[in-house]
Amino acid sequence: RVDLKADRKAGVLIAQASWFEEGEDPEVVGPALRQSLEEMAGWLGMAEVVVKPKGNLANHLNPN
């Protein structure tokens, strides 16, 4: 689950909070979701994806 906000003025798609569901592997879900968020940002004309540190999936969404 992801709480998204598109800051069009700044050109940023923000994941304000993100969680993985019980039974899911965050090491698998995180990178796949990050790729989807980057694709979505591109469709929206956003230059960047920013992940806020709220939720149990947030650390898995930021590239290492």
N, C-alpha and C. Protein backbone atom coordinates (compact mmCIF):
# COMPACT_ATOMS: atom_id res chain seq x y z
N ARG A 1 0.85 -1.18 0.00
CA ARG A 1 0.00 0.00 0.00
C ARG A 1 0.89 1.22 0.00
N VAL A 2 0.52 2.20 -0.81
CA VAL A 2 1.34 3.41 -0.92
C VAL A 2 0.42 4.63 -0.94
N ASP A 3 0.79 5.62 -0.13
CA ASP A 3 0.10 6.89 -0.12
C ASP A 3 0.91 7.83 -1.02
N LEU A 4 0.38 8.12 -2.21
CA LEU A 4 1.12 8.91 -3.20
C LEU A 4 0.61 10.34 -3.28
N LYS A 5 1.52 11.23 -3.62
CA LYS A 5 1.18 12.62 -3.89
C LYS A 5 2.02 13.07 -5.08
N ALA A 6 1.39 13.72 -6.04
CA ALA A 6 2.09 14.28 -7.19
C ALA A 6 2.27 15.78 -6.94
N ASP A 7 3.49 16.19 -6.73
CA ASP A 7 3.80 17.62 -6.58
C ASP A 7 4.20 18.11 -7.96
N ARG A 8 3.22 18.51 -8.73
CA ARG A 8 3.44 18.90 -10.12
C ARG A 8 4.34 20.13 -10.24
N LYS A 9 4.19 21.06 -9.32
CA LYS A 9 5.00 22.27 -9.37
C LYS A 9 6.49 21.94 -9.23
N ALA A 10 6.81 21.01 -8.33
CA ALA A 10 8.20 20.61 -8.12
C ALA A 10 8.65 19.50 -9.08
N GLY A 11 7.69 18.87 -9.76
CA GLY A 11 8.02 17.78 -10.67
C GLY A 11 8.43 16.51 -9.96
N VAL A 12 7.77 16.24 -8.80
CA VAL A 12 8.16 15.11 -7.96
C VAL A 12 6.94 14.26 -7.61
N LEU A 13 7.08 12.94 -7.75
CA LEU A 13 6.08 12.00 -7.25
C LEU A 13 6.55 11.56 -5.87
N ILE A 14 5.71 11.76 -4.87
CA ILE A 14 6.11 11.49 -3.48
C ILE A 14 5.34 10.30 -2.94
N ALA A 15 6.08 9.31 -2.44
CA ALA A 15 5.49 8.20 -1.68
C ALA A 15 5.53 8.65 -0.23
N GLN A 16 4.40 9.17 0.25
CA GLN A 16 4.36 9.74 1.60
C GLN A 16 4.45 8.67 2.68
N ALA A 17 3.95 7.48 2.38
CA ALA A 17 4.02 6.34 3.29
C ALA A 17 3.86 5.07 2.45
N SER A 18 4.49 3.99 2.87
CA SER A 18 4.40 2.74 2.11
C SER A 18 4.52 1.55 3.04
N TRP A 19 3.70 0.54 2.77
CA TRP A 19 3.67 -0.66 3.60
C TRP A 19 3.60 -1.89 2.73
N PHE A 20 4.22 -2.99 3.19
CA PHE A 20 4.02 -4.28 2.53
C PHE A 20 3.06 -5.09 3.39
N GLU A 21 2.32 -5.94 2.73
CA GLU A 21 1.33 -6.77 3.41
C GLU A 21 2.00 -8.00 4.02
N GLU A 22 1.43 -8.50 5.09
CA GLU A 22 1.92 -9.69 5.75
C GLU A 22 2.01 -10.84 4.75
N GLY A 23 3.11 -11.56 4.80
CA GLY A 23 3.31 -12.69 3.90
C GLY A 23 4.04 -12.32 2.62
N GLU A 24 4.24 -11.04 2.37
CA GLU A 24 4.96 -10.59 1.18
C GLU A 24 6.42 -10.34 1.54
N ASP A 25 7.30 -10.50 0.58
CA ASP A 25 8.73 -10.30 0.80
C ASP A 25 9.10 -8.88 0.37
N PRO A 26 9.46 -8.02 1.33
CA PRO A 26 9.79 -6.63 0.98
C PRO A 26 11.00 -6.52 0.06
N GLU A 27 11.88 -7.53 0.08
CA GLU A 27 13.05 -7.51 -0.81
C GLU A 27 12.65 -7.71 -2.27
N VAL A 28 11.50 -8.31 -2.49
CA VAL A 28 10.97 -8.51 -3.84
C VAL A 28 10.02 -7.36 -4.20
N VAL A 29 9.12 -7.03 -3.29
CA VAL A 29 8.11 -6.00 -3.52
C VAL A 29 8.74 -4.62 -3.69
N GLY A 30 9.72 -4.28 -2.86
CA GLY A 30 10.32 -2.95 -2.89
C GLY A 30 10.89 -2.56 -4.24
N PRO A 31 11.83 -3.33 -4.79
CA PRO A 31 12.40 -2.97 -6.10
C PRO A 31 11.36 -2.94 -7.23
N ALA A 32 10.42 -3.89 -7.20
CA ALA A 32 9.39 -3.91 -8.25
C ALA A 32 8.50 -2.68 -8.15
N LEU A 33 8.13 -2.31 -6.94
CA LEU A 33 7.30 -1.13 -6.75
C LEU A 33 8.06 0.13 -7.11
N ARG A 34 9.34 0.20 -6.77
CA ARG A 34 10.15 1.37 -7.12
C ARG A 34 10.16 1.57 -8.64
N GLN A 35 10.33 0.49 -9.38
CA GLN A 35 10.33 0.57 -10.83
C GLN A 35 8.97 1.09 -11.33
N SER A 36 7.89 0.59 -10.74
CA SER A 36 6.55 1.05 -11.14
C SER A 36 6.34 2.52 -10.81
N LEU A 37 6.85 2.96 -9.66
CA LEU A 37 6.73 4.37 -9.29
C LEU A 37 7.51 5.27 -10.25
N GLU A 38 8.68 4.82 -10.67
CA GLU A 38 9.47 5.59 -11.63
C GLU A 38 8.77 5.67 -12.97
N GLU A 39 8.14 4.56 -13.40
CA GLU A 39 7.36 4.58 -14.64
C GLU A 39 6.19 5.54 -14.52
N MET A 40 5.48 5.49 -13.40
CA MET A 40 4.34 6.38 -13.19
C MET A 40 4.79 7.84 -13.20
N ALA A 41 5.91 8.12 -12.55
CA ALA A 41 6.43 9.48 -12.55
C ALA A 41 6.69 9.95 -13.97
N GLY A 42 7.25 9.09 -14.79
CA GLY A 42 7.49 9.43 -16.19
C GLY A 42 6.21 9.72 -16.94
N TRP A 43 5.18 8.90 -16.73
CA TRP A 43 3.89 9.12 -17.40
C TRP A 43 3.30 10.47 -17.00
N LEU A 44 3.54 10.85 -15.75
CA LEU A 44 2.99 12.11 -15.23
C LEU A 44 3.87 13.31 -15.54
N GLY A 45 5.01 13.06 -16.18
CA GLY A 45 5.93 14.15 -16.49
C GLY A 45 6.74 14.62 -15.30
N MET A 46 6.88 13.75 -14.30
CA MET A 46 7.65 14.07 -13.11
C MET A 46 9.10 13.62 -13.30
N ALA A 47 10.04 14.38 -12.78
CA ALA A 47 11.45 14.09 -12.95
C ALA A 47 12.01 13.17 -11.87
N GLU A 48 11.29 13.03 -10.76
CA GLU A 48 11.89 12.35 -9.61
C GLU A 48 10.83 11.65 -8.78
N VAL A 49 11.24 10.58 -8.09
CA VAL A 49 10.42 9.90 -7.10
C VAL A 49 11.10 10.11 -5.75
N VAL A 50 10.34 10.59 -4.78
CA VAL A 50 10.85 10.78 -3.42
C VAL A 50 10.06 9.87 -2.49
N VAL A 51 10.77 9.12 -1.65
CA VAL A 51 10.14 8.20 -0.70
C VAL A 51 10.36 8.74 0.71
N LYS A 52 9.27 9.07 1.38
CA LYS A 52 9.34 9.51 2.78
C LYS A 52 9.52 8.27 3.66
N PRO A 53 10.13 8.43 4.84
CA PRO A 53 10.47 7.28 5.67
C PRO A 53 9.33 6.72 6.54
N LYS A 54 8.10 6.85 6.10
CA LYS A 54 6.97 6.35 6.88
C LYS A 54 6.48 5.03 6.30
N GLY A 55 6.32 4.02 7.14
CA GLY A 55 5.81 2.72 6.71
C GLY A 55 6.92 1.67 6.67
N ASN A 56 6.51 0.40 6.71
CA ASN A 56 7.48 -0.69 6.80
C ASN A 56 8.11 -1.07 5.46
N LEU A 57 7.70 -0.43 4.37
CA LEU A 57 8.30 -0.72 3.07
C LEU A 57 9.22 0.40 2.59
N ALA A 58 9.19 1.53 3.24
CA ALA A 58 9.92 2.71 2.78
C ALA A 58 11.41 2.44 2.55
N ASN A 59 12.06 1.76 3.47
CA ASN A 59 13.50 1.49 3.32
C ASN A 59 13.80 0.60 2.12
N HIS A 60 12.83 -0.16 1.67
CA HIS A 60 13.04 -1.06 0.54
C HIS A 60 12.74 -0.39 -0.80
N LEU A 61 12.23 0.84 -0.77
CA LEU A 61 11.89 1.56 -2.01
C LEU A 61 13.01 2.47 -2.49
N ASN A 62 13.94 2.78 -1.61
CA ASN A 62 15.04 3.66 -2.00
C ASN A 62 16.17 2.84 -2.59
N PRO A 63 16.69 3.29 -3.73
CA PRO A 63 17.81 2.57 -4.34
C PRO A 63 19.04 2.58 -3.43
N ASN A 64 19.79 1.51 -3.45
CA ASN A 64 20.99 1.41 -2.59
C ASN A 64 22.17 2.09 -3.22
